[in-house]
Amino acid sequence: MILGLIDNEIVSIAQISSPNRKRIAHNSELSISVKKACWNIGIGSAVMEELIKFGKEHGIIRNISLGVKASNYRAVKMYEKFGFKKIGVHKNYFNVNGDFDDEILMDLSL
């Protein structure tokens, strides 16, 4: 887990995790969240670099997966910048106050 701090305030949180089952332990899921007030200052990219570096150095991880709101264009673009590919969609996955949004599923092979 990585916490991003600015002036002792948490502005981002991210993690990469793998299942304990041997036959699928080489697959990991990544999640990242950056406080909206801190978007577009490079926090997301810095955290992504560290998580991918960890995945490569871990030695077991071969695939990293994530899900992102379809309307979060900036995040999708950032993930693509790091080599993630769109592999599918969960229709109407998110429900925010009655507004539904799809989840884009993305993968990165290390």
N, C-alpha and C. Protein backbone atom coordinates (compact mmCIF):
# COMPACT_ATOMS: atom_id res chain seq x y z
N MET A 1 0.85 -1.17 0.00
CA MET A 1 0.00 0.00 0.00
C MET A 1 0.90 1.23 0.00
N ILE A 2 0.47 2.23 -0.75
CA ILE A 2 1.19 3.49 -0.82
C ILE A 2 0.23 4.61 -0.44
N LEU A 3 0.66 5.45 0.48
CA LEU A 3 -0.09 6.65 0.84
C LEU A 3 0.67 7.84 0.29
N GLY A 4 -0.05 8.75 -0.37
CA GLY A 4 0.55 10.00 -0.83
C GLY A 4 0.20 11.10 0.14
N LEU A 5 1.21 11.81 0.61
CA LEU A 5 1.00 12.87 1.60
C LEU A 5 1.49 14.20 1.07
N ILE A 6 0.72 15.25 1.34
CA ILE A 6 1.15 16.62 1.12
C ILE A 6 0.86 17.37 2.41
N ASP A 7 1.90 17.93 3.02
CA ASP A 7 1.77 18.63 4.30
C ASP A 7 1.04 17.77 5.33
N ASN A 8 1.43 16.51 5.44
CA ASN A 8 0.86 15.55 6.39
C ASN A 8 -0.62 15.24 6.15
N GLU A 9 -1.14 15.58 4.99
CA GLU A 9 -2.52 15.24 4.63
C GLU A 9 -2.49 14.13 3.58
N ILE A 10 -3.29 13.09 3.78
CA ILE A 10 -3.37 12.00 2.80
C ILE A 10 -4.11 12.51 1.57
N VAL A 11 -3.44 12.46 0.42
CA VAL A 11 -4.04 12.93 -0.83
C VAL A 11 -4.21 11.80 -1.85
N SER A 12 -3.59 10.65 -1.56
CA SER A 12 -3.79 9.49 -2.43
C SER A 12 -3.54 8.21 -1.64
N ILE A 13 -4.18 7.16 -2.12
CA ILE A 13 -3.99 5.84 -1.55
C ILE A 13 -4.02 4.85 -2.70
N ALA A 14 -3.12 3.88 -2.65
CA ALA A 14 -3.04 2.91 -3.74
C ALA A 14 -2.52 1.59 -3.19
N GLN A 15 -2.88 0.52 -3.89
CA GLN A 15 -2.37 -0.79 -3.49
C GLN A 15 -2.37 -1.74 -4.68
N ILE A 16 -1.55 -2.75 -4.54
CA ILE A 16 -1.53 -3.86 -5.49
C ILE A 16 -1.59 -5.12 -4.64
N SER A 17 -2.48 -6.02 -5.00
CA SER A 17 -2.65 -7.22 -4.18
C SER A 17 -2.86 -8.44 -5.08
N SER A 18 -2.41 -9.58 -4.57
CA SER A 18 -2.52 -10.85 -5.29
C SER A 18 -3.24 -11.87 -4.42
N PRO A 19 -3.95 -12.80 -5.06
CA PRO A 19 -4.61 -13.86 -4.29
C PRO A 19 -3.58 -14.83 -3.70
N ASN A 20 -3.97 -15.52 -2.66
CA ASN A 20 -3.07 -16.48 -2.00
C ASN A 20 -3.04 -17.84 -2.69
N ARG A 21 -3.96 -18.10 -3.59
CA ARG A 21 -4.02 -19.40 -4.26
C ARG A 21 -2.89 -19.52 -5.29
N LYS A 22 -2.11 -20.58 -5.17
CA LYS A 22 -0.90 -20.74 -5.97
C LYS A 22 -1.14 -20.63 -7.48
N ARG A 23 -2.21 -21.24 -7.97
CA ARG A 23 -2.41 -21.28 -9.42
C ARG A 23 -2.81 -19.92 -10.02
N ILE A 24 -3.20 -18.97 -9.18
CA ILE A 24 -3.55 -17.63 -9.70
C ILE A 24 -2.76 -16.52 -9.00
N ALA A 25 -1.76 -16.88 -8.22
CA ALA A 25 -0.98 -15.90 -7.45
C ALA A 25 -0.18 -14.94 -8.33
N HIS A 26 -0.01 -15.26 -9.60
CA HIS A 26 0.74 -14.39 -10.52
C HIS A 26 -0.12 -13.24 -11.05
N ASN A 27 -1.40 -13.22 -10.68
CA ASN A 27 -2.32 -12.16 -11.08
C ASN A 27 -2.52 -11.19 -9.92
N SER A 28 -2.49 -9.91 -10.21
CA SER A 28 -2.67 -8.89 -9.17
C SER A 28 -3.74 -7.91 -9.58
N GLU A 29 -4.34 -7.29 -8.58
CA GLU A 29 -5.30 -6.21 -8.81
C GLU A 29 -4.72 -4.93 -8.25
N LEU A 30 -4.90 -3.87 -9.00
CA LEU A 30 -4.37 -2.57 -8.62
C LEU A 30 -5.52 -1.62 -8.39
N SER A 31 -5.40 -0.81 -7.36
CA SER A 31 -6.38 0.26 -7.14
C SER A 31 -5.64 1.51 -6.72
N ILE A 32 -6.15 2.64 -7.17
CA ILE A 32 -5.53 3.92 -6.86
C ILE A 32 -6.62 4.97 -6.75
N SER A 33 -6.46 5.86 -5.80
CA SER A 33 -7.39 6.96 -5.63
C SER A 33 -6.59 8.21 -5.27
N VAL A 34 -6.89 9.31 -5.96
CA VAL A 34 -6.24 10.59 -5.70
C VAL A 34 -7.32 11.62 -5.41
N LYS A 35 -7.11 12.38 -4.35
CA LYS A 35 -8.05 13.43 -3.96
C LYS A 35 -8.23 14.39 -5.14
N LYS A 36 -9.47 14.73 -5.45
CA LYS A 36 -9.78 15.54 -6.64
C LYS A 36 -9.00 16.85 -6.67
N ALA A 37 -8.81 17.46 -5.51
CA ALA A 37 -8.08 18.73 -5.45
C ALA A 37 -6.61 18.57 -5.88
N CYS A 38 -6.14 17.34 -5.95
CA CYS A 38 -4.74 17.07 -6.29
C CYS A 38 -4.57 16.41 -7.65
N TRP A 39 -5.61 16.41 -8.47
CA TRP A 39 -5.50 15.87 -9.81
C TRP A 39 -4.58 16.75 -10.65
N ASN A 40 -3.98 16.18 -11.65
CA ASN A 40 -3.17 16.88 -12.66
C ASN A 40 -1.88 17.48 -12.12
N ILE A 41 -1.35 16.92 -11.02
CA ILE A 41 -0.05 17.39 -10.54
C ILE A 41 0.97 16.25 -10.51
N GLY A 42 0.61 15.10 -11.11
CA GLY A 42 1.56 14.00 -11.25
C GLY A 42 1.54 12.95 -10.17
N ILE A 43 0.64 13.08 -9.20
CA ILE A 43 0.59 12.09 -8.11
C ILE A 43 0.23 10.71 -8.65
N GLY A 44 -0.81 10.64 -9.46
CA GLY A 44 -1.25 9.36 -10.00
C GLY A 44 -0.14 8.66 -10.78
N SER A 45 0.55 9.39 -11.62
CA SER A 45 1.64 8.80 -12.41
C SER A 45 2.79 8.33 -11.52
N ALA A 46 3.13 9.12 -10.51
CA ALA A 46 4.22 8.73 -9.61
C ALA A 46 3.87 7.45 -8.86
N VAL A 47 2.64 7.36 -8.40
CA VAL A 47 2.20 6.17 -7.68
C VAL A 47 2.16 4.96 -8.62
N MET A 48 1.66 5.15 -9.84
CA MET A 48 1.61 4.05 -10.81
C MET A 48 3.01 3.50 -11.09
N GLU A 49 3.97 4.40 -11.26
CA GLU A 49 5.35 3.96 -11.49
C GLU A 49 5.83 3.05 -10.37
N GLU A 50 5.56 3.44 -9.14
CA GLU A 50 6.01 2.65 -7.99
C GLU A 50 5.30 1.30 -7.91
N LEU A 51 4.00 1.29 -8.17
CA LEU A 51 3.26 0.03 -8.10
C LEU A 51 3.70 -0.94 -9.19
N ILE A 52 3.91 -0.45 -10.40
CA ILE A 52 4.37 -1.31 -11.49
C ILE A 52 5.79 -1.79 -11.21
N LYS A 53 6.63 -0.90 -10.70
CA LYS A 53 8.00 -1.29 -10.32
C LYS A 53 7.96 -2.41 -9.29
N PHE A 54 7.10 -2.26 -8.28
CA PHE A 54 6.96 -3.30 -7.26
C PHE A 54 6.52 -4.62 -7.91
N GLY A 55 5.54 -4.54 -8.80
CA GLY A 55 5.06 -5.74 -9.48
C GLY A 55 6.16 -6.45 -10.24
N LYS A 56 7.00 -5.69 -10.93
CA LYS A 56 8.10 -6.28 -11.70
C LYS A 56 9.16 -6.88 -10.79
N GLU A 57 9.45 -6.19 -9.69
CA GLU A 57 10.49 -6.65 -8.77
C GLU A 57 10.03 -7.81 -7.90
N HIS A 58 8.72 -7.95 -7.74
CA HIS A 58 8.16 -8.99 -6.87
C HIS A 58 8.56 -10.38 -7.36
N GLY A 59 8.66 -10.54 -8.68
CA GLY A 59 9.10 -11.80 -9.24
C GLY A 59 8.01 -12.79 -9.57
N ILE A 60 6.89 -12.73 -8.89
CA ILE A 60 5.80 -13.66 -9.13
C ILE A 60 4.73 -13.03 -10.02
N ILE A 61 4.50 -11.74 -9.86
CA ILE A 61 3.42 -11.05 -10.57
C ILE A 61 3.71 -10.99 -12.07
N ARG A 62 2.73 -11.44 -12.85
CA ARG A 62 2.86 -11.39 -14.32
C ARG A 62 1.76 -10.56 -14.96
N ASN A 63 0.62 -10.42 -14.27
CA ASN A 63 -0.51 -9.67 -14.80
C ASN A 63 -1.05 -8.73 -13.73
N ILE A 64 -1.35 -7.50 -14.14
CA ILE A 64 -1.98 -6.54 -13.24
C ILE A 64 -3.30 -6.12 -13.87
N SER A 65 -4.38 -6.20 -13.11
CA SER A 65 -5.72 -5.84 -13.59
C SER A 65 -6.26 -4.68 -12.77
N LEU A 66 -7.18 -3.94 -13.38
CA LEU A 66 -7.87 -2.87 -12.66
C LEU A 66 -9.20 -2.59 -13.32
N GLY A 67 -10.04 -1.88 -12.60
CA GLY A 67 -11.31 -1.40 -13.13
C GLY A 67 -11.41 0.09 -12.88
N VAL A 68 -11.98 0.82 -13.84
CA VAL A 68 -12.06 2.27 -13.74
C VAL A 68 -13.39 2.74 -14.33
N LYS A 69 -13.96 3.79 -13.73
CA LYS A 69 -15.20 4.35 -14.27
C LYS A 69 -14.97 4.81 -15.70
N ALA A 70 -15.89 4.45 -16.57
CA ALA A 70 -15.76 4.81 -17.98
C ALA A 70 -15.69 6.32 -18.19
N SER A 71 -16.34 7.07 -17.33
CA SER A 71 -16.34 8.53 -17.48
C SER A 71 -15.08 9.18 -16.93
N ASN A 72 -14.20 8.40 -16.31
CA ASN A 72 -12.95 8.95 -15.76
C ASN A 72 -11.88 8.90 -16.85
N TYR A 73 -12.04 9.78 -17.84
CA TYR A 73 -11.18 9.78 -19.02
C TYR A 73 -9.71 9.99 -18.68
N ARG A 74 -9.44 10.85 -17.70
CA ARG A 74 -8.05 11.12 -17.33
C ARG A 74 -7.37 9.86 -16.80
N ALA A 75 -8.08 9.12 -15.96
CA ALA A 75 -7.50 7.90 -15.40
C ALA A 75 -7.28 6.87 -16.50
N VAL A 76 -8.25 6.70 -17.39
CA VAL A 76 -8.10 5.74 -18.50
C VAL A 76 -6.87 6.10 -19.32
N LYS A 77 -6.71 7.37 -19.63
CA LYS A 77 -5.56 7.82 -20.42
C LYS A 77 -4.25 7.55 -19.69
N MET A 78 -4.23 7.78 -18.37
CA MET A 78 -3.02 7.52 -17.59
C MET A 78 -2.68 6.03 -17.61
N TYR A 79 -3.69 5.19 -17.40
CA TYR A 79 -3.44 3.74 -17.41
C TYR A 79 -2.90 3.30 -18.77
N GLU A 80 -3.48 3.83 -19.84
CA GLU A 80 -3.00 3.49 -21.18
C GLU A 80 -1.55 3.95 -21.37
N LYS A 81 -1.21 5.09 -20.80
CA LYS A 81 0.17 5.60 -20.88
C LYS A 81 1.16 4.59 -20.27
N PHE A 82 0.72 3.87 -19.26
CA PHE A 82 1.57 2.88 -18.60
C PHE A 82 1.45 1.49 -19.23
N GLY A 83 0.72 1.38 -20.34
CA GLY A 83 0.66 0.12 -21.07
C GLY A 83 -0.56 -0.75 -20.81
N PHE A 84 -1.49 -0.29 -19.98
CA PHE A 84 -2.70 -1.06 -19.74
C PHE A 84 -3.56 -1.07 -20.99
N LYS A 85 -4.21 -2.20 -21.24
CA LYS A 85 -5.10 -2.37 -22.39
C LYS A 85 -6.52 -2.62 -21.90
N LYS A 86 -7.49 -2.06 -22.61
CA LYS A 86 -8.90 -2.31 -22.29
C LYS A 86 -9.25 -3.74 -22.71
N ILE A 87 -9.85 -4.49 -21.80
CA ILE A 87 -10.19 -5.88 -22.11
C ILE A 87 -11.68 -6.18 -21.97
N GLY A 88 -12.45 -5.23 -21.45
CA GLY A 88 -13.87 -5.49 -21.29
C GLY A 88 -14.57 -4.37 -20.55
N VAL A 89 -15.88 -4.55 -20.39
CA VAL A 89 -16.72 -3.54 -19.74
C VAL A 89 -17.76 -4.23 -18.88
N HIS A 90 -17.95 -3.73 -17.68
CA HIS A 90 -19.11 -4.09 -16.85
C HIS A 90 -20.13 -2.97 -17.04
N LYS A 91 -21.24 -3.28 -17.68
CA LYS A 91 -22.26 -2.27 -17.94
C LYS A 91 -22.94 -1.84 -16.64
N ASN A 92 -23.17 -0.53 -16.51
CA ASN A 92 -23.89 0.04 -15.36
C ASN A 92 -23.34 -0.44 -14.02
N TYR A 93 -22.04 -0.58 -13.92
CA TYR A 93 -21.40 -1.12 -12.72
C TYR A 93 -21.48 -0.17 -11.54
N PHE A 94 -21.27 1.11 -11.79
CA PHE A 94 -21.28 2.12 -10.73
C PHE A 94 -22.64 2.79 -10.67
N ASN A 95 -23.11 3.05 -9.45
CA ASN A 95 -24.36 3.77 -9.22
C ASN A 95 -24.07 4.87 -8.22
N VAL A 96 -23.95 6.09 -8.72
CA VAL A 96 -23.68 7.25 -7.87
C VAL A 96 -24.92 8.13 -7.88
N ASN A 97 -25.67 8.05 -6.79
CA ASN A 97 -26.90 8.84 -6.64
C ASN A 97 -27.86 8.65 -7.81
N GLY A 98 -27.99 7.41 -8.26
CA GLY A 98 -28.92 7.11 -9.34
C GLY A 98 -28.36 7.28 -10.74
N ASP A 99 -27.13 7.78 -10.84
CA ASP A 99 -26.46 7.90 -12.14
C ASP A 99 -25.55 6.69 -12.34
N PHE A 100 -25.84 5.90 -13.35
CA PHE A 100 -25.08 4.69 -13.61
C PHE A 100 -23.94 4.96 -14.58
N ASP A 101 -22.84 4.26 -14.37
CA ASP A 101 -21.67 4.40 -15.23
C ASP A 101 -21.05 3.01 -15.40
N ASP A 102 -20.47 2.78 -16.56
CA ASP A 102 -19.81 1.51 -16.83
C ASP A 102 -18.44 1.47 -16.15
N GLU A 103 -17.94 0.25 -15.95
CA GLU A 103 -16.58 0.04 -15.48
C GLU A 103 -15.78 -0.53 -16.64
N ILE A 104 -14.67 0.12 -16.97
CA ILE A 104 -13.76 -0.40 -17.98
C ILE A 104 -12.76 -1.30 -17.27
N LEU A 105 -12.59 -2.51 -17.78
CA LEU A 105 -11.63 -3.46 -17.23
C LEU A 105 -10.35 -3.35 -18.05
N MET A 106 -9.22 -3.26 -17.35
CA MET A 106 -7.94 -3.08 -18.03
C MET A 106 -6.91 -4.05 -17.46
N ASP A 107 -5.98 -4.47 -18.30
CA ASP A 107 -4.91 -5.39 -17.90
C ASP A 107 -3.56 -4.89 -18.40
N LEU A 108 -2.53 -5.25 -17.64
CA LEU A 108 -1.15 -5.01 -18.03
C LEU A 108 -0.38 -6.31 -17.82
N SER A 109 0.30 -6.77 -18.86
CA SER A 109 1.16 -7.95 -18.74
C SER A 109 2.59 -7.48 -18.50
N LEU A 110 3.21 -8.03 -17.47
CA LEU A 110 4.60 -7.63 -17.14
C LEU A 110 5.59 -8.53 -17.85
